[in-house]
All heavy atoms as atom14 arrays in JSON, in Angstrom:
{
  "sequence": "RTHSVIANLVGVVLKEEETFYDEDLSEAEKRIAREVAKGFSNKE",
  "atom14_mask": [
    [1, 1, 1, 1, 1, 1, 1, 1, 1, 1, 1, 0, 0, 0],
    [1, 1, 1, 1, 1, 1, 1, 0, 0, 0, 0, 0, 0, 0],
    [1, 1, 1, 1, 1, 1, 1, 1, 1, 1, 0, 0, 0, 0],
    [1, 1, 1, 1, 1, 1, 0, 0, 0, 0, 0, 0, 0, 0],
    [1, 1, 1, 1, 1, 1, 1, 0, 0, 0, 0, 0, 0, 0],
    [1, 1, 1, 1, 1, 1, 1, 1, 0, 0, 0, 0, 0, 0],
    [1, 1, 1, 1, 1, 0, 0, 0, 0, 0, 0, 0, 0, 0],
    [1, 1, 1, 1, 1, 1, 1, 1, 0, 0, 0, 0, 0, 0],
    [1, 1, 1, 1, 1, 1, 1, 1, 0, 0, 0, 0, 0, 0],
    [1, 1, 1, 1, 1, 1, 1, 0, 0, 0, 0, 0, 0, 0],
    [1, 1, 1, 1, 0, 0, 0, 0, 0, 0, 0, 0, 0, 0],
    [1, 1, 1, 1, 1, 1, 1, 0, 0, 0, 0, 0, 0, 0],
    [1, 1, 1, 1, 1, 1, 1, 0, 0, 0, 0, 0, 0, 0],
    [1, 1, 1, 1, 1, 1, 1, 1, 0, 0, 0, 0, 0, 0],
    [1, 1, 1, 1, 1, 1, 1, 1, 1, 0, 0, 0, 0, 0],
    [1, 1, 1, 1, 1, 1, 1, 1, 1, 0, 0, 0, 0, 0],
    [1, 1, 1, 1, 1, 1, 1, 1, 1, 0, 0, 0, 0, 0],
    [1, 1, 1, 1, 1, 1, 1, 1, 1, 0, 0, 0, 0, 0],
    [1, 1, 1, 1, 1, 1, 1, 0, 0, 0, 0, 0, 0, 0],
    [1, 1, 1, 1, 1, 1, 1, 1, 1, 1, 1, 0, 0, 0],
    [1, 1, 1, 1, 1, 1, 1, 1, 1, 1, 1, 1, 0, 0],
    [1, 1, 1, 1, 1, 1, 1, 1, 0, 0, 0, 0, 0, 0],
    [1, 1, 1, 1, 1, 1, 1, 1, 1, 0, 0, 0, 0, 0],
    [1, 1, 1, 1, 1, 1, 1, 1, 0, 0, 0, 0, 0, 0],
    [1, 1, 1, 1, 1, 1, 1, 1, 0, 0, 0, 0, 0, 0],
    [1, 1, 1, 1, 1, 1, 0, 0, 0, 0, 0, 0, 0, 0],
    [1, 1, 1, 1, 1, 1, 1, 1, 1, 0, 0, 0, 0, 0],
    [1, 1, 1, 1, 1, 0, 0, 0, 0, 0, 0, 0, 0, 0],
    [1, 1, 1, 1, 1, 1, 1, 1, 1, 0, 0, 0, 0, 0],
    [1, 1, 1, 1, 1, 1, 1, 1, 1, 0, 0, 0, 0, 0],
    [1, 1, 1, 1, 1, 1, 1, 1, 1, 1, 1, 0, 0, 0],
    [1, 1, 1, 1, 1, 1, 1, 1, 0, 0, 0, 0, 0, 0],
    [1, 1, 1, 1, 1, 0, 0, 0, 0, 0, 0, 0, 0, 0],
    [1, 1, 1, 1, 1, 1, 1, 1, 1, 1, 1, 0, 0, 0],
    [1, 1, 1, 1, 1, 1, 1, 1, 1, 0, 0, 0, 0, 0],
    [1, 1, 1, 1, 1, 1, 1, 0, 0, 0, 0, 0, 0, 0],
    [1, 1, 1, 1, 1, 0, 0, 0, 0, 0, 0, 0, 0, 0],
    [1, 1, 1, 1, 1, 1, 1, 1, 1, 0, 0, 0, 0, 0],
    [1, 1, 1, 1, 0, 0, 0, 0, 0, 0, 0, 0, 0, 0],
    [1, 1, 1, 1, 1, 1, 1, 1, 1, 1, 1, 0, 0, 0],
    [1, 1, 1, 1, 1, 1, 0, 0, 0, 0, 0, 0, 0, 0],
    [1, 1, 1, 1, 1, 1, 1, 1, 0, 0, 0, 0, 0, 0],
    [1, 1, 1, 1, 1, 1, 1, 1, 1, 0, 0, 0, 0, 0],
    [1, 1, 1, 1, 1, 1, 1, 1, 1, 0, 0, 0, 0, 0]
  ],
  "atom14_positions": [
    [[90.26, 70.2, 130.74], [88.93, 69.59, 130.8], [87.96, 70.47, 131.58], [86.79, 70.6, 131.23], [89.01, 68.19, 131.45], [89.68, 67.14, 130.58], [89.39, 65.74, 131.11], [89.89, 65.53, 132.45], [91.11, 65.07, 132.72], [91.95, 64.76, 131.74], [91.5, 64.89, 133.98], [0.0, 0.0, 0.0], [0.0, 0.0, 0.0], [0.0, 0.0, 0.0]],
    [[88.45, 71.08, 132.66], [87.61, 71.97, 133.45], [87.14, 73.16, 132.62], [85.97, 73.54, 132.66], [88.38, 72.48, 134.69], [88.77, 71.36, 135.49], [87.51, 73.41, 135.53], [0.0, 0.0, 0.0], [0.0, 0.0, 0.0], [0.0, 0.0, 0.0], [0.0, 0.0, 0.0], [0.0, 0.0, 0.0], [0.0, 0.0, 0.0], [0.0, 0.0, 0.0]],
    [[88.06, 73.75, 131.86], [87.69, 74.86, 130.99], [86.64, 74.42, 129.97], [85.7, 75.16, 129.67], [88.93, 75.38, 130.26], [89.84, 76.16, 131.14], [91.11, 76.54, 130.75], [89.7, 76.63, 132.4], [91.69, 77.21, 131.73], [90.85, 77.28, 132.73], [0.0, 0.0, 0.0], [0.0, 0.0, 0.0], [0.0, 0.0, 0.0], [0.0, 0.0, 0.0]],
    [[86.81, 73.21, 129.47], [85.87, 72.7, 128.48], [84.48, 72.51, 129.08], [83.46, 72.84, 128.46], [86.37, 71.36, 127.91], [85.45, 70.82, 127.0], [0.0, 0.0, 0.0], [0.0, 0.0, 0.0], [0.0, 0.0, 0.0], [0.0, 0.0, 0.0], [0.0, 0.0, 0.0], [0.0, 0.0, 0.0], [0.0, 0.0, 0.0], [0.0, 0.0, 0.0]],
    [[84.43, 71.99, 130.32], [83.15, 71.79, 130.99], [82.46, 73.13, 131.22], [81.25, 73.27, 131.0], [83.35, 71.05, 132.33], [82.09, 71.09, 133.16], [83.76, 69.6, 132.07], [0.0, 0.0, 0.0], [0.0, 0.0, 0.0], [0.0, 0.0, 0.0], [0.0, 0.0, 0.0], [0.0, 0.0, 0.0], [0.0, 0.0, 0.0], [0.0, 0.0, 0.0]],
    [[83.21, 74.13, 131.68], [82.63, 75.45, 131.91], [82.07, 76.02, 130.61], [80.98, 76.58, 130.57], [83.68, 76.41, 132.52], [84.04, 75.97, 133.94], [83.15, 77.84, 132.54], [85.15, 76.77, 134.58], [0.0, 0.0, 0.0], [0.0, 0.0, 0.0], [0.0, 0.0, 0.0], [0.0, 0.0, 0.0], [0.0, 0.0, 0.0], [0.0, 0.0, 0.0]],
    [[82.84, 75.85, 129.53], [82.38, 76.35, 128.23], [81.08, 75.67, 127.82], [80.17, 76.32, 127.3], [83.46, 76.12, 127.17], [0.0, 0.0, 0.0], [0.0, 0.0, 0.0], [0.0, 0.0, 0.0], [0.0, 0.0, 0.0], [0.0, 0.0, 0.0], [0.0, 0.0, 0.0], [0.0, 0.0, 0.0], [0.0, 0.0, 0.0], [0.0, 0.0, 0.0]],
    [[80.99, 74.37, 128.05], [79.77, 73.65, 127.7], [78.58, 74.11, 128.53], [77.46, 74.19, 128.05], [79.96, 72.15, 127.88], [80.86, 71.54, 126.82], [80.94, 72.06, 125.7], [81.55, 70.47, 127.16], [0.0, 0.0, 0.0], [0.0, 0.0, 0.0], [0.0, 0.0, 0.0], [0.0, 0.0, 0.0], [0.0, 0.0, 0.0], [0.0, 0.0, 0.0]],
    [[78.84, 74.42, 129.8], [77.76, 74.87, 130.67], [77.14, 76.18, 130.2], [75.97, 76.44, 130.41], [78.27, 75.02, 132.11], [78.55, 73.73, 132.88], [79.19, 74.05, 134.23], [77.27, 72.93, 133.07], [0.0, 0.0, 0.0], [0.0, 0.0, 0.0], [0.0, 0.0, 0.0], [0.0, 0.0, 0.0], [0.0, 0.0, 0.0], [0.0, 0.0, 0.0]],
    [[77.95, 77.0, 129.57], [77.43, 78.29, 129.11], [77.15, 78.28, 127.61], [77.05, 79.32, 126.96], [78.42, 79.43, 129.45], [78.59, 79.58, 130.93], [79.76, 79.23, 128.75], [0.0, 0.0, 0.0], [0.0, 0.0, 0.0], [0.0, 0.0, 0.0], [0.0, 0.0, 0.0], [0.0, 0.0, 0.0], [0.0, 0.0, 0.0], [0.0, 0.0, 0.0]],
    [[77.03, 77.06, 127.05], [76.66, 76.96, 125.65], [77.82, 76.9, 124.7], [77.65, 77.17, 123.5], [0.0, 0.0, 0.0], [0.0, 0.0, 0.0], [0.0, 0.0, 0.0], [0.0, 0.0, 0.0], [0.0, 0.0, 0.0], [0.0, 0.0, 0.0], [0.0, 0.0, 0.0], [0.0, 0.0, 0.0], [0.0, 0.0, 0.0], [0.0, 0.0, 0.0]],
    [[79.04, 76.59, 125.24], [80.27, 76.45, 124.48], [80.74, 77.79, 123.9], [81.8, 78.27, 124.21], [80.16, 75.4, 123.37], [81.5, 75.24, 122.66], [79.72, 74.07, 123.93], [0.0, 0.0, 0.0], [0.0, 0.0, 0.0], [0.0, 0.0, 0.0], [0.0, 0.0, 0.0], [0.0, 0.0, 0.0], [0.0, 0.0, 0.0], [0.0, 0.0, 0.0]],
    [[79.94, 78.39, 123.06], [80.32, 79.68, 122.48], [79.2, 80.68, 122.74], [78.08, 80.48, 122.3], [80.54, 79.58, 120.95], [80.86, 80.95, 120.38], [81.65, 78.58, 120.65], [0.0, 0.0, 0.0], [0.0, 0.0, 0.0], [0.0, 0.0, 0.0], [0.0, 0.0, 0.0], [0.0, 0.0, 0.0], [0.0, 0.0, 0.0], [0.0, 0.0, 0.0]],
    [[79.52, 81.72, 123.5], [78.53, 82.78, 123.75], [78.69, 83.85, 122.68], [79.75, 84.46, 122.56], [78.76, 83.39, 125.15], [78.58, 82.44, 126.32], [78.96, 83.12, 127.62], [77.17, 81.91, 126.38], [0.0, 0.0, 0.0], [0.0, 0.0, 0.0], [0.0, 0.0, 0.0], [0.0, 0.0, 0.0], [0.0, 0.0, 0.0], [0.0, 0.0, 0.0]],
    [[77.66, 84.07, 121.88], [77.75, 85.02, 120.78], [77.88, 86.45, 121.32], [77.22, 86.84, 122.27], [76.51, 84.92, 119.91], [76.37, 83.58, 119.22], [75.09, 83.52, 118.39], [74.96, 82.15, 117.73], [73.71, 82.05, 116.94], [0.0, 0.0, 0.0], [0.0, 0.0, 0.0], [0.0, 0.0, 0.0], [0.0, 0.0, 0.0], [0.0, 0.0, 0.0]],
    [[78.77, 87.19, 120.69], [79.01, 88.55, 121.15], [77.75, 89.41, 121.1], [77.59, 90.33, 121.88], [80.11, 89.2, 120.28], [81.49, 88.64, 120.51], [81.98, 88.93, 121.91], [81.61, 89.96, 122.48], [82.74, 88.11, 122.44], [0.0, 0.0, 0.0], [0.0, 0.0, 0.0], [0.0, 0.0, 0.0], [0.0, 0.0, 0.0], [0.0, 0.0, 0.0]],
    [[76.86, 89.13, 120.12], [75.69, 89.97, 119.99], [74.6, 89.66, 121.0], [73.6, 90.39, 121.1], [75.1, 89.86, 118.57], [74.58, 88.48, 118.2], [75.63, 87.64, 117.52], [76.83, 87.94, 117.75], [75.28, 86.71, 116.78], [0.0, 0.0, 0.0], [0.0, 0.0, 0.0], [0.0, 0.0, 0.0], [0.0, 0.0, 0.0], [0.0, 0.0, 0.0]],
    [[74.74, 88.56, 121.76], [73.74, 88.24, 122.77], [73.75, 89.3, 123.86], [74.79, 89.82, 124.25], [74.01, 86.86, 123.38], [73.73, 85.71, 122.42], [74.02, 84.38, 123.05], [75.0, 84.29, 123.8], [73.28, 83.44, 122.78], [0.0, 0.0, 0.0], [0.0, 0.0, 0.0], [0.0, 0.0, 0.0], [0.0, 0.0, 0.0], [0.0, 0.0, 0.0]],
    [[72.59, 89.61, 124.37], [72.47, 90.7, 125.33], [73.07, 90.33, 126.68], [72.79, 89.29, 127.23], [70.98, 91.06, 125.55], [70.4, 91.34, 124.29], [70.84, 92.25, 126.47], [0.0, 0.0, 0.0], [0.0, 0.0, 0.0], [0.0, 0.0, 0.0], [0.0, 0.0, 0.0], [0.0, 0.0, 0.0], [0.0, 0.0, 0.0], [0.0, 0.0, 0.0]],
    [[73.91, 91.21, 127.18], [74.5, 91.0, 128.49], [74.56, 92.37, 129.18], [75.54, 93.08, 129.11], [75.89, 90.39, 128.37], [76.6, 90.23, 129.69], [76.04, 89.49, 130.7], [77.83, 90.83, 129.91], [76.68, 89.35, 131.91], [78.48, 90.69, 131.11], [77.91, 89.95, 132.11], [0.0, 0.0, 0.0], [0.0, 0.0, 0.0], [0.0, 0.0, 0.0]],
    [[73.44, 92.79, 129.76], [73.33, 94.1, 130.35], [73.5, 94.03, 131.86], [72.9, 93.21, 132.52], [71.96, 94.72, 130.04], [71.74, 94.99, 128.57], [70.76, 94.3, 127.87], [72.52, 95.92, 127.9], [70.55, 94.54, 126.52], [72.32, 96.17, 126.56], [71.34, 95.48, 125.87], [71.14, 95.71, 124.55], [0.0, 0.0, 0.0], [0.0, 0.0, 0.0]],
    [[74.3, 94.92, 132.36], [74.39, 95.08, 133.81], [75.02, 96.44, 134.06], [76.15, 96.69, 133.66], [75.23, 93.98, 134.44], [75.07, 93.98, 135.95], [75.66, 94.86, 136.59], [74.35, 93.12, 136.47], [0.0, 0.0, 0.0], [0.0, 0.0, 0.0], [0.0, 0.0, 0.0], [0.0, 0.0, 0.0], [0.0, 0.0, 0.0], [0.0, 0.0, 0.0]],
    [[74.29, 97.31, 134.71], [74.76, 98.68, 134.87], [76.01, 98.78, 135.73], [76.72, 99.79, 135.66], [73.63, 99.54, 135.47], [72.42, 99.69, 134.55], [71.34, 100.53, 135.17], [71.51, 100.95, 136.33], [70.32, 100.76, 134.49], [0.0, 0.0, 0.0], [0.0, 0.0, 0.0], [0.0, 0.0, 0.0], [0.0, 0.0, 0.0], [0.0, 0.0, 0.0]],
    [[76.27, 97.77, 136.54], [77.45, 97.81, 137.41], [78.75, 97.69, 136.62], [79.8, 98.17, 137.06], [77.41, 96.67, 138.43], [76.29, 96.86, 139.45], [75.75, 97.97, 139.5], [75.99, 95.9, 140.16], [0.0, 0.0, 0.0], [0.0, 0.0, 0.0], [0.0, 0.0, 0.0], [0.0, 0.0, 0.0], [0.0, 0.0, 0.0], [0.0, 0.0, 0.0]],
    [[78.7, 97.03, 135.47], [79.91, 96.71, 134.73], [80.09, 97.6, 133.51], [79.13, 97.94, 132.83], [79.89, 95.25, 134.28], [79.71, 94.19, 135.37], [79.74, 92.8, 134.76], [80.76, 94.33, 136.46], [0.0, 0.0, 0.0], [0.0, 0.0, 0.0], [0.0, 0.0, 0.0], [0.0, 0.0, 0.0], [0.0, 0.0, 0.0], [0.0, 0.0, 0.0]],
    [[81.35, 97.94, 133.25], [81.66, 98.69, 132.04], [81.59, 97.75, 130.84], [81.54, 96.52, 131.0], [83.06, 99.3, 132.14], [84.04, 98.27, 132.13], [0.0, 0.0, 0.0], [0.0, 0.0, 0.0], [0.0, 0.0, 0.0], [0.0, 0.0, 0.0], [0.0, 0.0, 0.0], [0.0, 0.0, 0.0], [0.0, 0.0, 0.0], [0.0, 0.0, 0.0]],
    [[81.62, 98.31, 129.63], [81.59, 97.48, 128.43], [82.81, 96.55, 128.38], [82.71, 95.39, 127.99], [81.53, 98.35, 127.18], [80.21, 99.06, 126.97], [79.05, 98.08, 126.91], [79.18, 97.04, 126.23], [78.01, 98.35, 127.53], [0.0, 0.0, 0.0], [0.0, 0.0, 0.0], [0.0, 0.0, 0.0], [0.0, 0.0, 0.0], [0.0, 0.0, 0.0]],
    [[83.96, 97.08, 128.8], [85.18, 96.25, 128.81], [85.04, 95.1, 129.78], [85.43, 93.96, 129.49], [86.38, 97.11, 129.17], [0.0, 0.0, 0.0], [0.0, 0.0, 0.0], [0.0, 0.0, 0.0], [0.0, 0.0, 0.0], [0.0, 0.0, 0.0], [0.0, 0.0, 0.0], [0.0, 0.0, 0.0], [0.0, 0.0, 0.0], [0.0, 0.0, 0.0]],
    [[84.44, 95.37, 130.95], [84.26, 94.32, 131.95], [83.26, 93.27, 131.48], [83.42, 92.08, 131.77], [83.82, 94.95, 133.28], [84.93, 95.73, 133.96], [84.43, 96.69, 135.02], [83.2, 96.83, 135.18], [85.28, 97.33, 135.67], [0.0, 0.0, 0.0], [0.0, 0.0, 0.0], [0.0, 0.0, 0.0], [0.0, 0.0, 0.0], [0.0, 0.0, 0.0]],
    [[82.24, 93.69, 130.74], [81.28, 92.74, 130.19], [81.97, 91.8, 129.2], [81.71, 90.58, 129.2], [80.13, 93.48, 129.5], [79.24, 94.26, 130.45], [78.23, 95.09, 129.67], [77.44, 96.01, 130.59], [76.52, 96.89, 129.86], [0.0, 0.0, 0.0], [0.0, 0.0, 0.0], [0.0, 0.0, 0.0], [0.0, 0.0, 0.0], [0.0, 0.0, 0.0]],
    [[82.83, 92.36, 128.35], [83.56, 91.53, 127.39], [84.45, 90.52, 128.11], [84.5, 89.34, 127.74], [84.4, 92.39, 126.45], [83.59, 93.22, 125.46], [84.46, 93.74, 124.33], [85.54, 94.58, 124.83], [85.42, 95.89, 125.0], [84.29, 96.51, 124.73], [86.45, 96.6, 125.44], [0.0, 0.0, 0.0], [0.0, 0.0, 0.0], [0.0, 0.0, 0.0]],
    [[85.15, 90.99, 129.14], [86.03, 90.11, 129.91], [85.21, 89.01, 130.58], [85.59, 87.83, 130.57], [86.81, 90.9, 130.98], [87.73, 91.94, 130.34], [87.61, 89.95, 131.87], [88.85, 91.37, 129.52], [0.0, 0.0, 0.0], [0.0, 0.0, 0.0], [0.0, 0.0, 0.0], [0.0, 0.0, 0.0], [0.0, 0.0, 0.0], [0.0, 0.0, 0.0]],
    [[84.05, 89.37, 131.16], [83.2, 88.39, 131.84], [82.75, 87.31, 130.87], [82.7, 86.12, 131.22], [82.0, 89.08, 132.47], [0.0, 0.0, 0.0], [0.0, 0.0, 0.0], [0.0, 0.0, 0.0], [0.0, 0.0, 0.0], [0.0, 0.0, 0.0], [0.0, 0.0, 0.0], [0.0, 0.0, 0.0], [0.0, 0.0, 0.0], [0.0, 0.0, 0.0]],
    [[82.4, 87.69, 129.63], [81.97, 86.7, 128.65], [83.1, 85.74, 128.31], [82.88, 84.54, 128.15], [81.47, 87.4, 127.37], [80.07, 88.0, 127.51], [79.5, 88.38, 126.16], [80.18, 89.54, 125.6], [79.74, 90.79, 125.71], [78.64, 91.05, 126.39], [80.4, 91.79, 125.15], [0.0, 0.0, 0.0], [0.0, 0.0, 0.0], [0.0, 0.0, 0.0]],
    [[84.33, 86.26, 128.22], [85.47, 85.4, 127.91], [85.78, 84.46, 129.08], [86.14, 83.3, 128.87], [86.7, 86.25, 127.57], [86.54, 87.14, 126.35], [86.19, 86.35, 125.11], [86.9, 85.38, 124.8], [85.19, 86.7, 124.45], [0.0, 0.0, 0.0], [0.0, 0.0, 0.0], [0.0, 0.0, 0.0], [0.0, 0.0, 0.0], [0.0, 0.0, 0.0]],
    [[85.64, 84.96, 130.3], [85.83, 84.1, 131.48], [84.82, 82.96, 131.45], [85.14, 81.8, 131.73], [85.66, 84.92, 132.78], [85.58, 83.99, 134.0], [86.81, 85.9, 132.96], [0.0, 0.0, 0.0], [0.0, 0.0, 0.0], [0.0, 0.0, 0.0], [0.0, 0.0, 0.0], [0.0, 0.0, 0.0], [0.0, 0.0, 0.0], [0.0, 0.0, 0.0]],
    [[83.58, 83.28, 131.08], [82.52, 82.27, 131.03], [82.79, 81.2, 129.98], [82.29, 80.08, 130.08], [81.17, 82.93, 130.78], [0.0, 0.0, 0.0], [0.0, 0.0, 0.0], [0.0, 0.0, 0.0], [0.0, 0.0, 0.0], [0.0, 0.0, 0.0], [0.0, 0.0, 0.0], [0.0, 0.0, 0.0], [0.0, 0.0, 0.0], [0.0, 0.0, 0.0]],
    [[83.55, 81.55, 128.96], [83.9, 80.56, 127.94], [84.97, 79.58, 128.43], [85.28, 78.6, 127.75], [84.4, 81.26, 126.68], [83.35, 82.1, 125.96], [83.97, 82.85, 124.78], [82.97, 83.79, 124.14], [83.58, 84.57, 123.03], [0.0, 0.0, 0.0], [0.0, 0.0, 0.0], [0.0, 0.0, 0.0], [0.0, 0.0, 0.0], [0.0, 0.0, 0.0]],
    [[85.55, 79.87, 129.59], [86.56, 78.98, 130.14], [87.96, 79.36, 129.76], [88.91, 78.6, 129.99], [0.0, 0.0, 0.0], [0.0, 0.0, 0.0], [0.0, 0.0, 0.0], [0.0, 0.0, 0.0], [0.0, 0.0, 0.0], [0.0, 0.0, 0.0], [0.0, 0.0, 0.0], [0.0, 0.0, 0.0], [0.0, 0.0, 0.0], [0.0, 0.0, 0.0]],
    [[88.15, 80.56, 129.18], [89.48, 80.98, 128.75], [90.33, 81.43, 129.94], [89.81, 82.01, 130.9], [89.4, 82.11, 127.74], [88.81, 81.71, 126.41], [88.17, 82.63, 125.61], [88.9, 80.4, 125.97], [87.62, 82.27, 124.38], [88.36, 80.01, 124.75], [87.72, 80.95, 123.96], [0.0, 0.0, 0.0], [0.0, 0.0, 0.0], [0.0, 0.0, 0.0]],
    [[91.63, 81.2, 129.86], [92.56, 81.7, 130.86], [92.79, 83.19, 130.64], [92.43, 83.74, 129.59], [93.9, 80.96, 130.76], [94.56, 81.3, 129.55], [0.0, 0.0, 0.0], [0.0, 0.0, 0.0], [0.0, 0.0, 0.0], [0.0, 0.0, 0.0], [0.0, 0.0, 0.0], [0.0, 0.0, 0.0], [0.0, 0.0, 0.0], [0.0, 0.0, 0.0]],
    [[93.43, 83.84, 131.61], [93.7, 85.28, 131.47], [94.56, 85.56, 130.24], [94.35, 86.54, 129.54], [94.39, 85.82, 132.72], [93.44, 85.89, 133.9], [92.25, 85.65, 133.76], [93.96, 86.21, 135.07], [0.0, 0.0, 0.0], [0.0, 0.0, 0.0], [0.0, 0.0, 0.0], [0.0, 0.0, 0.0], [0.0, 0.0, 0.0], [0.0, 0.0, 0.0]],
    [[95.54, 84.71, 129.98], [96.4, 84.93, 128.83], [95.63, 84.75, 127.53], [95.82, 85.51, 126.56], [97.6, 83.99, 128.86], [98.63, 84.32, 127.78], [99.88, 83.5, 127.92], [100.96, 84.01, 126.98], [100.47, 84.23, 125.61], [0.0, 0.0, 0.0], [0.0, 0.0, 0.0], [0.0, 0.0, 0.0], [0.0, 0.0, 0.0], [0.0, 0.0, 0.0]],
    [[94.76, 83.75, 127.49], [93.95, 83.54, 126.29], [93.0, 84.71, 126.05], [92.79, 85.13, 124.9], [93.17, 82.23, 126.43], [94.05, 80.99, 126.35], [93.31, 79.72, 126.74], [92.36, 79.8, 127.54], [93.7, 78.65, 126.25], [0.0, 0.0, 0.0], [0.0, 0.0, 0.0], [0.0, 0.0, 0.0], [0.0, 0.0, 0.0], [0.0, 0.0, 0.0]]
  ]
}
């Protein structure tokens, strides 16, 4: 349920093409951050 609430807070599904720029993070880290925001576990 917690994962579901987090996903809803960020719009349930964050589209990959949406802009997520931050010079501090690598492209791989940006992808991981987006998945974390969806409420997914590390294994997922």
